[in-house]
Amino acid sequence: MSLGASTPTTASDFTPMSPHNLGTLSRLKSMTWSMENSNSGSANRVAVINLKLQQCTKSSLDEIEVKFQLTRDTLEAMLRSLTYIREQLSSMIGTDSGRSQKKQKQSDNVV
């Protein structure tokens, strides 16, 4: 199966998130992927990612589907970014648990 060329997405294509424009964030419901050729050459394979997102609004639970393709270079850059995000979340969790342990020790010392 051959896919048409897609327009690359850059960081400038997205609106920055702030408390004022968050609105309703979508939640990842499921993800599937497949490998396909982007043209006749077998060296030009791309990963086709299919996301099902659930938009939680006050009135309903709407589901949308997003499909995009990633080349190897784009996928590697995305994985580096996700690794950085994971490290940031881990350090935040470590900091939070360190704070709660410190508070627990302080409360144990109070008589």
C-alpha atoms as a PDB file:
ATOM      1  CA  MET A   1       0.000   0.000   0.000  1.00  0.00           C
ATOM      2  CA  SER A   2       1.373   3.394  -0.934  1.00  0.00           C
ATOM      3  CA  LEU A   3       0.667   6.581   0.999  1.00  0.00           C
ATOM      4  CA  GLY A   4       0.614  10.084  -0.410  1.00  0.00           C
ATOM      5  CA  ALA A   5       3.168  12.630   0.751  1.00  0.00           C
ATOM      6  CA  SER A   6       2.239  14.444   3.900  1.00  0.00           C
ATOM      7  CA  THR A   7       3.090  17.912   5.070  1.00  0.00           C
ATOM      8  CA  PRO A   8       5.560  17.797   7.971  1.00  0.00           C
ATOM      9  CA  THR A   9       4.262  19.215  11.227  1.00  0.00           C
ATOM     10  CA  THR A  10       6.495  21.638  13.087  1.00  0.00           C
ATOM     11  CA  ALA A  11       6.336  23.110  16.570  1.00  0.00           C
ATOM     12  CA  SER A  12       5.060  26.387  15.085  1.00  0.00           C
ATOM     13  CA  ASP A  13       1.939  24.548  13.847  1.00  0.00           C
ATOM     14  CA  PHE A  14       0.674  24.164  17.407  1.00  0.00           C
ATOM     15  CA  THR A  15      -0.866  26.761  19.689  1.00  0.00           C
ATOM     16  CA  PRO A  16       1.039  27.011  22.992  1.00  0.00           C
ATOM     17  CA  MET A  17      -0.959  25.756  25.959  1.00  0.00           C
ATOM     18  CA  SER A  18      -1.774  28.085  28.781  1.00  0.00           C
ATOM     19  CA  PRO A  19      -4.492  27.985  31.434  1.00  0.00           C
ATOM     20  CA  HIS A  20      -6.493  30.415  29.286  1.00  0.00           C
ATOM     21  CA  ASN A  21      -6.622  28.351  26.095  1.00  0.00           C
ATOM     22  CA  LEU A  22      -6.602  24.787  27.426  1.00  0.00           C
ATOM     23  CA  GLY A  23     -10.293  24.288  26.919  1.00  0.00           C
ATOM     24  CA  THR A  24     -10.849  20.545  26.877  1.00  0.00           C
ATOM     25  CA  LEU A  25      -7.846  18.281  26.549  1.00  0.00           C
ATOM     26  CA  SER A  26      -8.256  14.939  24.853  1.00  0.00           C
ATOM     27  CA  ARG A  27      -7.339  11.674  26.496  1.00  0.00           C
ATOM     28  CA  LEU A  28      -5.584   8.853  24.624  1.00  0.00           C
ATOM     29  CA  LYS A  29      -7.963   5.921  24.374  1.00  0.00           C
ATOM     30  CA  SER A  30      -5.978   3.629  22.082  1.00  0.00           C
ATOM     31  CA  MET A  31      -3.092   3.561  19.643  1.00  0.00           C
ATOM     32  CA  THR A  32      -2.318   1.252  16.742  1.00  0.00           C
ATOM     33  CA  TRP A  33       0.450   1.384  14.187  1.00  0.00           C
ATOM     34  CA  SER A  34       1.623  -0.267  11.005  1.00  0.00           C
ATOM     35  CA  MET A  35       4.593  -0.074   8.650  1.00  0.00           C
ATOM     36  CA  GLU A  36       3.915   1.045   5.107  1.00  0.00           C
ATOM     37  CA  ASN A  37       5.883   2.215   2.082  1.00  0.00           C
ATOM     38  CA  SER A  38       5.648   5.938   1.409  1.00  0.00           C
ATOM     39  CA  ASN A  39       6.452   5.339  -2.284  1.00  0.00           C
ATOM     40  CA  SER A  40       7.707   2.540  -4.547  1.00  0.00           C
ATOM     41  CA  GLY A  41      11.096   2.180  -2.792  1.00  0.00           C
ATOM     42  CA  SER A  42      11.241  -0.319   0.054  1.00  0.00           C
ATOM     43  CA  ALA A  43      13.794   1.904   1.839  1.00  0.00           C
ATOM     44  CA  ASN A  44      11.138   4.618   2.247  1.00  0.00           C
ATOM     45  CA  ARG A  45       9.056   2.898   4.889  1.00  0.00           C
ATOM     46  CA  VAL A  46       7.066   4.950   7.373  1.00  0.00           C
ATOM     47  CA  ALA A  47       5.273   4.140  10.585  1.00  0.00           C
ATOM     48  CA  VAL A  48       1.590   4.974  10.314  1.00  0.00           C
ATOM     49  CA  ILE A  49       0.195   5.830  13.750  1.00  0.00           C
ATOM     50  CA  ASN A  50      -3.539   5.764  14.442  1.00  0.00           C
ATOM     51  CA  LEU A  51      -4.689   7.390  17.693  1.00  0.00           C
ATOM     52  CA  LYS A  52      -8.181   7.269  19.147  1.00  0.00           C
ATOM     53  CA  LEU A  53      -8.712  10.246  21.413  1.00  0.00           C
ATOM     54  CA  GLN A  54     -11.556  10.798  23.819  1.00  0.00           C
ATOM     55  CA  GLN A  55     -12.676  14.361  24.379  1.00  0.00           C
ATOM     56  CA  CYS A  56     -14.262  14.676  27.792  1.00  0.00           C
ATOM     57  CA  THR A  57     -16.733  17.530  27.738  1.00  0.00           C
ATOM     58  CA  LYS A  58     -19.512  18.291  30.157  1.00  0.00           C
ATOM     59  CA  SER A  59     -22.146  17.218  27.647  1.00  0.00           C
ATOM     60  CA  SER A  60     -20.646  14.025  26.205  1.00  0.00           C
ATOM     61  CA  LEU A  61     -17.656  11.769  25.619  1.00  0.00           C
ATOM     62  CA  ASP A  62     -16.728  12.394  21.991  1.00  0.00           C
ATOM     63  CA  GLU A  63     -14.162  10.218  20.267  1.00  0.00           C
ATOM     64  CA  ILE A  64     -11.952  11.372  17.415  1.00  0.00           C
ATOM     65  CA  GLU A  65      -9.416   9.498  15.340  1.00  0.00           C
ATOM     66  CA  VAL A  66      -6.050  10.963  14.310  1.00  0.00           C
ATOM     67  CA  LYS A  67      -3.817   9.270  11.755  1.00  0.00           C
ATOM     68  CA  PHE A  68      -0.289  10.374  10.884  1.00  0.00           C
ATOM     69  CA  GLN A  69       2.930   8.966   9.503  1.00  0.00           C
ATOM     70  CA  LEU A  70       6.464   9.158  10.849  1.00  0.00           C
ATOM     71  CA  THR A  71       9.757   8.599   9.086  1.00  0.00           C
ATOM     72  CA  ARG A  72      12.626   7.018  10.983  1.00  0.00           C
ATOM     73  CA  ASP A  73      14.263  10.415  11.640  1.00  0.00           C
ATOM     74  CA  THR A  74      11.023  11.942  12.903  1.00  0.00           C
ATOM     75  CA  LEU A  75      10.312   8.909  15.067  1.00  0.00           C
ATOM     76  CA  GLU A  76      13.796   9.075  16.621  1.00  0.00           C
ATOM     77  CA  ALA A  77      13.328  12.779  17.438  1.00  0.00           C
ATOM     78  CA  MET A  78       9.901  12.059  18.933  1.00  0.00           C
ATOM     79  CA  LEU A  79      11.295   9.229  21.092  1.00  0.00           C
ATOM     80  CA  ARG A  80      14.069  11.509  22.384  1.00  0.00           C
ATOM     81  CA  SER A  81      11.438  14.089  23.333  1.00  0.00           C
ATOM     82  CA  LEU A  82       9.257  11.477  25.027  1.00  0.00           C
ATOM     83  CA  THR A  83      12.285  10.188  26.957  1.00  0.00           C
ATOM     84  CA  TYR A  84      12.961  13.730  28.166  1.00  0.00           C
ATOM     85  CA  ILE A  85       9.315  14.102  29.231  1.00  0.00           C
ATOM     86  CA  ARG A  86       9.482  10.772  31.092  1.00  0.00           C
ATOM     87  CA  GLU A  87      12.625  11.905  32.926  1.00  0.00           C
ATOM     88  CA  GLN A  88      10.973  15.190  33.882  1.00  0.00           C
ATOM     89  CA  LEU A  89       7.889  13.400  35.193  1.00  0.00           C
ATOM     90  CA  SER A  90      10.060  10.920  37.111  1.00  0.00           C
ATOM     91  CA  SER A  91      12.058  13.715  38.714  1.00  0.00           C
ATOM     92  CA  MET A  92       8.822  15.491  39.681  1.00  0.00           C
ATOM     93  CA  ILE A  93       7.480  12.302  41.251  1.00  0.00           C
ATOM     94  CA  GLY A  94      10.795  11.761  43.043  1.00  0.00           C
ATOM     95  CA  THR A  95      10.708  15.345  44.324  1.00  0.00           C
ATOM     96  CA  ASP A  96       7.103  14.968  45.482  1.00  0.00           C
ATOM     97  CA  SER A  97       7.810  11.688  47.290  1.00  0.00           C
ATOM     98  CA  GLY A  98      10.944  13.224  48.827  1.00  0.00           C
ATOM     99  CA  ARG A  99       8.852  16.121  50.126  1.00  0.00           C
ATOM    100  CA  SER A 100       6.208  13.817  51.601  1.00  0.00           C
ATOM    101  CA  GLN A 101       8.916  11.709  53.284  1.00  0.00           C
ATOM    102  CA  LYS A 102      10.477  14.872  54.702  1.00  0.00           C
ATOM    103  CA  LYS A 103       7.055  16.039  55.978  1.00  0.00           C
ATOM    104  CA  GLN A 104       6.480  12.602  57.519  1.00  0.00           C
ATOM    105  CA  LYS A 105       9.853  12.776  59.341  1.00  0.00           C
ATOM    106  CA  GLN A 106       9.038  16.283  60.563  1.00  0.00           C
ATOM    107  CA  SER A 107       5.629  15.200  61.857  1.00  0.00           C
ATOM    108  CA  ASP A 108       7.213  12.172  63.577  1.00  0.00           C
ATOM    109  CA  ASN A 109       9.557  14.523  65.448  1.00  0.00           C
ATOM    110  CA  VAL A 110       6.705  16.710  66.708  1.00  0.00           C
ATOM    111  CA  VAL A 111       5.372  15.474  70.042  1.00  0.00           C
END
